[in-house]
Protein backbone atom coordinates (compact mmCIF):
# COMPACT_ATOMS: atom_id res chain seq x y z
CA MET A 1 16.08 -20.46 27.88
CA ALA A 2 13.15 -17.98 27.71
CA GLU A 3 9.97 -19.35 26.00
CA ALA A 4 8.91 -17.38 22.92
CA ALA A 5 6.02 -15.01 23.70
CA ARG A 6 2.62 -15.52 22.03
CA ALA A 7 1.14 -12.42 20.32
CA ARG A 8 -1.97 -10.98 21.98
CA LEU A 9 -3.76 -7.74 21.87
CA GLY A 10 -5.78 -7.50 25.15
CA ASP A 11 -7.45 -10.74 25.43
CA ARG A 12 -7.39 -11.53 21.76
CA PRO A 13 -4.71 -13.98 20.36
CA ILE A 14 -3.11 -12.65 17.26
CA ASP A 15 -1.72 -14.76 14.44
CA ALA A 16 -1.34 -12.25 11.66
CA VAL A 17 -0.77 -8.54 11.07
CA LEU A 18 -2.23 -6.54 8.18
CA LEU A 19 -0.31 -3.39 7.25
CA ASP A 20 -1.26 -0.29 5.52
CA TYR A 21 1.35 1.12 3.04
CA GLY A 22 1.46 4.87 2.64
CA PHE A 23 2.46 6.77 5.92
CA THR A 24 2.67 3.36 7.82
CA LEU A 25 5.43 1.56 5.94
CA VAL A 26 6.48 4.22 3.47
CA THR A 27 6.26 7.98 2.83
CA PHE A 28 6.11 9.50 -0.58
CA ASP A 29 7.90 12.54 -2.29
CA ARG A 30 6.97 13.21 -5.98
CA PRO A 31 10.05 12.48 -8.02
CA ASP A 32 9.69 15.28 -10.55
CA ALA A 33 13.06 14.66 -12.42
CA SER A 34 12.35 11.00 -12.70
CA LEU A 35 8.84 11.61 -13.95
CA ARG A 36 10.09 13.98 -16.66
CA SER A 37 12.69 11.55 -17.75
CA ALA A 38 10.12 8.67 -17.78
CA HIS A 39 7.75 10.66 -19.96
CA GLU A 40 10.44 11.48 -22.46
CA GLU A 41 11.16 7.69 -22.59
CA ILE A 42 7.44 7.13 -23.08
CA ARG A 43 7.36 9.66 -25.85
CA GLN A 44 10.14 7.99 -27.59
CA ARG A 45 8.46 4.64 -27.28
CA LEU A 46 5.16 6.01 -28.77
CA LEU A 47 7.11 7.44 -31.61
CA ALA A 48 8.82 4.24 -32.31
CA ALA A 49 5.56 2.35 -32.28
CA GLY A 50 4.03 4.71 -34.78
CA ALA A 51 1.29 5.66 -32.37
CA GLY A 52 0.46 8.96 -34.25
CA PRO A 53 1.27 12.57 -33.63
CA VAL A 54 2.90 12.38 -30.18
CA PRO A 55 2.90 15.47 -28.02
CA SER A 56 5.81 16.67 -25.80
CA ALA A 57 6.85 14.72 -22.63
CA GLU A 58 5.65 17.65 -20.54
CA THR A 59 2.12 17.34 -22.25
CA LEU A 60 2.13 13.62 -21.54
CA LEU A 61 3.07 14.05 -17.98
CA ARG A 62 0.43 16.63 -17.39
CA GLU A 63 -2.58 15.14 -19.41
CA VAL A 64 -1.93 11.43 -18.64
CA HIS A 65 0.03 10.83 -15.56
CA ASP A 66 -1.24 13.89 -13.61
CA ARG A 67 -4.82 13.40 -14.80
CA VAL A 68 -4.62 9.84 -13.37
CA GLU A 69 -3.26 11.31 -10.03
CA ARG A 70 -6.27 13.78 -9.91
CA GLU A 71 -8.70 11.05 -10.38
CA VAL A 72 -7.11 8.93 -7.63
CA GLU A 73 -7.36 11.89 -5.28
CA ARG A 74 -10.89 12.55 -6.23
CA ARG A 75 -11.81 8.82 -5.47
CA GLU A 76 -10.12 9.00 -2.22
CA SER A 77 -11.51 12.42 -1.09
CA GLY A 78 -15.13 11.31 -2.39
CA GLY A 79 -15.16 8.25 -0.08
CA SER A 80 -16.16 5.74 -2.69
CA LEU A 81 -15.63 2.02 -1.71
CA ARG A 82 -15.33 0.90 -5.32
CA GLU A 83 -11.82 1.17 -6.65
CA LEU A 84 -10.94 3.27 -9.67
CA ASP A 85 -10.37 1.62 -12.95
CA VAL A 86 -6.95 3.23 -13.65
CA VAL A 87 -6.58 1.54 -16.94
CA SER A 88 -9.76 3.00 -18.30
CA VAL A 89 -8.47 6.50 -17.14
CA GLU A 90 -5.25 6.04 -18.79
CA ARG A 91 -6.72 4.87 -21.95
CA GLU A 92 -9.15 7.82 -22.09
CA ALA A 93 -6.34 10.36 -21.30
CA TYR A 94 -4.27 9.08 -24.27
CA ALA A 95 -7.39 8.93 -26.56
CA ASP A 96 -8.06 12.64 -25.58
CA LEU A 97 -4.57 13.44 -26.91
CA GLY A 98 -5.54 11.66 -30.27
CA LEU A 99 -3.55 8.38 -29.23
CA ARG A 100 -5.39 5.14 -29.23
CA LEU A 101 -2.96 2.68 -27.79
CA PRO A 102 -3.32 -1.13 -28.05
CA SER A 103 -3.38 -2.86 -24.59
CA PRO A 104 0.28 -4.07 -24.71
CA LEU A 105 1.67 -0.68 -25.44
CA LEU A 106 -0.55 1.02 -22.93
CA ASP A 107 0.65 -1.57 -20.32
CA GLU A 108 4.31 -0.84 -21.31
CA VAL A 109 4.11 2.90 -21.03
CA ALA A 110 2.12 2.73 -17.81
CA GLY A 111 4.93 0.63 -16.34
CA ILE A 112 7.46 3.13 -17.33
CA ALA A 113 5.57 5.96 -15.53
CA GLN A 114 5.09 3.80 -12.39
CA ARG A 115 8.72 2.81 -12.09
CA ALA A 116 9.69 6.48 -12.06
CA TRP A 117 7.95 6.56 -8.63
CA TRP A 118 10.45 4.04 -7.11
CA GLY A 119 12.83 6.85 -6.22
CA GLY A 120 10.06 8.90 -4.58
CA VAL A 121 9.08 6.16 -2.02
CA LEU A 122 10.97 6.01 1.21
CA VAL A 123 10.62 3.10 3.60
CA GLY A 124 10.57 4.01 7.17
CA ALA A 125 13.86 3.72 9.02
CA GLY A 126 12.69 1.12 11.43
CA VAL A 127 10.23 -0.74 9.21
CA PRO A 128 12.40 -3.74 8.04
CA ALA A 129 13.57 -4.42 11.61
CA THR A 130 9.92 -4.23 12.86
CA LEU A 131 8.48 -6.63 10.18
CA SER A 132 11.42 -8.98 10.84
CA ALA A 133 10.71 -9.07 14.60
CA LEU A 134 7.04 -9.70 13.90
CA ARG A 135 7.82 -12.64 11.64
CA ARG A 136 10.40 -14.11 14.14
CA GLY A 137 7.61 -14.01 16.54
CA GLY A 138 5.63 -16.43 14.34
CA LEU A 139 3.21 -13.82 12.96
CA ARG A 140 2.07 -13.83 9.33
CA LEU A 141 2.29 -10.41 7.63
CA ALA A 142 0.55 -8.85 4.65
CA LEU A 143 0.11 -5.48 3.00
CA CYS A 144 -3.55 -4.34 2.95
CA SER A 145 -3.55 -1.20 0.88
CA ASN A 146 -5.76 1.09 -0.97
CA ALA A 147 -3.58 1.10 -4.13
CA PRO A 148 -5.55 1.86 -7.24
CA TYR A 149 -2.48 1.36 -9.50
CA ARG A 150 -1.69 -1.61 -11.80
CA PRO A 151 -1.05 -4.59 -9.47
CA ALA A 152 2.06 -5.77 -11.47
CA SER A 153 3.55 -2.36 -11.00
CA MET A 154 2.73 -2.32 -7.24
CA HIS A 155 4.15 -5.71 -6.61
CA ALA A 156 7.28 -4.71 -8.55
CA GLN A 157 7.65 -1.60 -6.31
CA LEU A 158 7.44 -3.80 -3.20
CA ARG A 159 10.15 -6.03 -4.52
CA HIS A 160 12.28 -3.11 -5.36
CA LEU A 161 11.96 -1.62 -1.93
CA GLY A 162 12.77 -5.05 -0.25
CA LEU A 163 9.41 -5.19 1.43
CA ALA A 164 8.10 -8.15 -0.57
CA ALA A 165 10.72 -10.35 1.00
CA LEU A 166 9.55 -9.29 4.57
CA LEU A 167 5.74 -10.02 3.79
CA ASP A 168 3.78 -13.15 3.31
CA GLY A 169 1.65 -11.45 0.64
CA ALA A 170 0.05 -8.21 -0.40
CA THR A 171 -3.74 -7.47 -1.04
CA LEU A 172 -4.26 -4.30 -3.17
CA SER A 173 -7.60 -2.49 -3.78
CA SER A 174 -6.85 -2.66 -7.49
CA GLU A 175 -6.93 -6.41 -7.40
CA VAL A 176 -10.07 -6.81 -5.10
CA GLY A 177 -12.07 -3.88 -6.65
CA TRP A 178 -12.87 -2.56 -3.20
CA ARG A 179 -11.18 0.06 -1.07
CA LYS A 180 -10.85 0.07 2.68
CA PRO A 181 -12.88 0.32 4.82
CA ALA A 182 -15.02 -2.06 2.58
CA ALA A 183 -15.12 -5.46 4.21
CA PRO A 184 -14.05 -7.48 0.97
CA ILE A 185 -10.52 -6.18 0.96
CA PHE A 186 -9.87 -7.19 4.55
CA ALA A 187 -11.64 -10.65 3.99
CA ALA A 188 -9.42 -11.13 0.84
CA CYS A 189 -6.26 -10.41 2.79
CA ALA A 190 -7.13 -12.64 5.64
CA GLY A 191 -8.10 -15.33 3.36
CA MET A 192 -4.86 -15.10 1.46
CA LEU A 193 -2.97 -15.44 4.78
CA GLY A 194 -5.13 -18.48 5.78
CA VAL A 195 -6.04 -16.57 9.23
CA PRO A 196 -9.42 -16.00 10.61
CA PRO A 197 -10.36 -12.34 10.87
CA GLU A 198 -10.76 -12.43 14.57
CA ARG A 199 -7.16 -13.42 14.90
CA CYS A 200 -5.81 -10.54 12.79
CA VAL A 201 -4.85 -7.06 13.75
CA MET A 202 -4.75 -4.10 11.14
CA ALA A 203 -2.06 -1.57 11.75
CA GLY A 204 -2.45 1.75 9.88
CA ASP A 205 -2.75 5.45 10.20
CA ARG A 206 -6.43 6.14 9.09
CA ARG A 207 -9.30 6.09 11.58
CA ARG A 208 -12.01 5.35 8.85
CA GLU A 209 -10.04 3.17 6.35
CA ASP A 210 -7.81 1.11 8.73
CA VAL A 211 -9.48 1.38 12.25
CA ALA A 212 -13.14 1.31 11.39
CA GLY A 213 -12.76 -0.91 8.32
CA ALA A 214 -10.79 -3.61 10.37
CA ARG A 215 -13.20 -3.57 13.31
CA SER A 216 -16.28 -3.85 10.88
CA ALA A 217 -14.51 -6.90 9.45
CA GLY A 218 -14.07 -8.44 12.86
CA MET A 219 -10.43 -7.57 13.17
CA ALA A 220 -8.46 -5.77 15.95
CA ALA A 221 -6.93 -2.44 14.93
CA VAL A 222 -3.80 -0.40 15.92
CA ARG A 223 -3.47 3.10 14.75
CA THR A 224 -0.03 4.52 14.07
CA ARG A 225 0.63 8.21 14.06
CA GLU A 226 4.39 8.35 13.23
CA HIS A 227 3.99 10.12 9.86
CA ARG A 228 0.41 11.51 9.98
CA ASP A 229 -2.14 11.70 12.72
CA ASP A 230 -5.70 11.41 11.36
CA PRO A 231 -7.95 13.63 13.59
CA GLY A 232 -11.25 12.42 14.92
CA GLU A 233 -12.68 9.75 16.99
CA ASP A 234 -11.90 6.06 16.59
CA ASP A 235 -12.18 2.92 18.57
CA ALA A 236 -8.77 1.48 17.93
CA ASP A 237 -7.49 -1.18 20.26
CA ALA A 238 -4.24 0.71 20.76
CA VAL A 239 -2.61 3.85 19.30
CA ILE A 240 1.23 3.95 18.86
CA ASP A 241 3.55 6.76 18.02
CA ARG A 242 5.86 4.58 15.89
CA LEU A 243 5.42 1.28 13.96
CA SER A 244 8.47 -0.08 15.80
CA GLU A 245 6.30 -0.17 19.05
CA LEU A 246 4.07 -2.88 17.64
CA PRO A 247 6.21 -5.95 18.44
CA ARG A 248 6.31 -4.88 22.15
CA LEU A 249 2.57 -4.05 22.08
CA LEU A 250 1.82 -7.61 20.75
CA PHE A 251 4.47 -9.56 22.58
CA GLY A 252 4.74 -7.84 25.92
CA ALA A 253 6.73 -5.12 27.60
CA ALA A 254 9.96 -7.19 27.83
CA THR A 255 10.00 -7.83 24.09
CA GLU A 256 13.05 -6.68 22.23
CA VAL A 257 12.37 -5.54 18.65
CA ALA A 258 15.63 -7.34 17.58
CA GLY A 259 14.58 -10.61 19.10
CA VAL A 260 10.94 -10.79 20.01
CA VAL A 261 11.61 -13.01 22.94
CA ALA A 262 9.90 -12.46 26.24
CA SER A 263 12.08 -12.51 29.36
């Protein structure tokens, strides 16, 4: 019987894989119809709560949801390492519409908006098989993502997509307060897994956030370019065209994604 391969990247033993989310495990397509329906539901909920003069669903979508999205994009493009306080942005956006929502109501309507995105997130075709193969090889797996949205909503999204069951945990920038490439988010993720950084590899599509960030935290790094190739120089330990190549990269040329056993 063949002996199970031990994961390595070059000369480095690997016990855990940290995984980026967007354009590594999933892709996104804005679900406009779902967002419109969600904001009509939010409007009805605000009316029922007596929140005050409530504008149209279209106005709520544009002035709250899309305002939050613009702030998220601005934070990302600006390169700030401190994560955005999404709750404060939401609260201010509603206040500018004349609606001052108590925290439980704000939490409720934010959850409705985020659930509308579930239909717009697509898990890569080979992702479940790849994650299962890595876990069968004895590796611990965790999401390590720049995700400024409410942690409860993000963890619910992972469960809905079936990814939570394939991971040992998830570390989100909204929980840590720092965005990749800042060291604290990598340290938090490795600590959650109970694996030293030097025995971790980060797999993601971004040279700065995923590769440079991981290397500065003492981790190995693999860059994926299946859904988006980030131009520029990097010092990734390896570059792969598809995430499904990762098991073979770590376990050897004879490794089968379905079995992760070296011949």
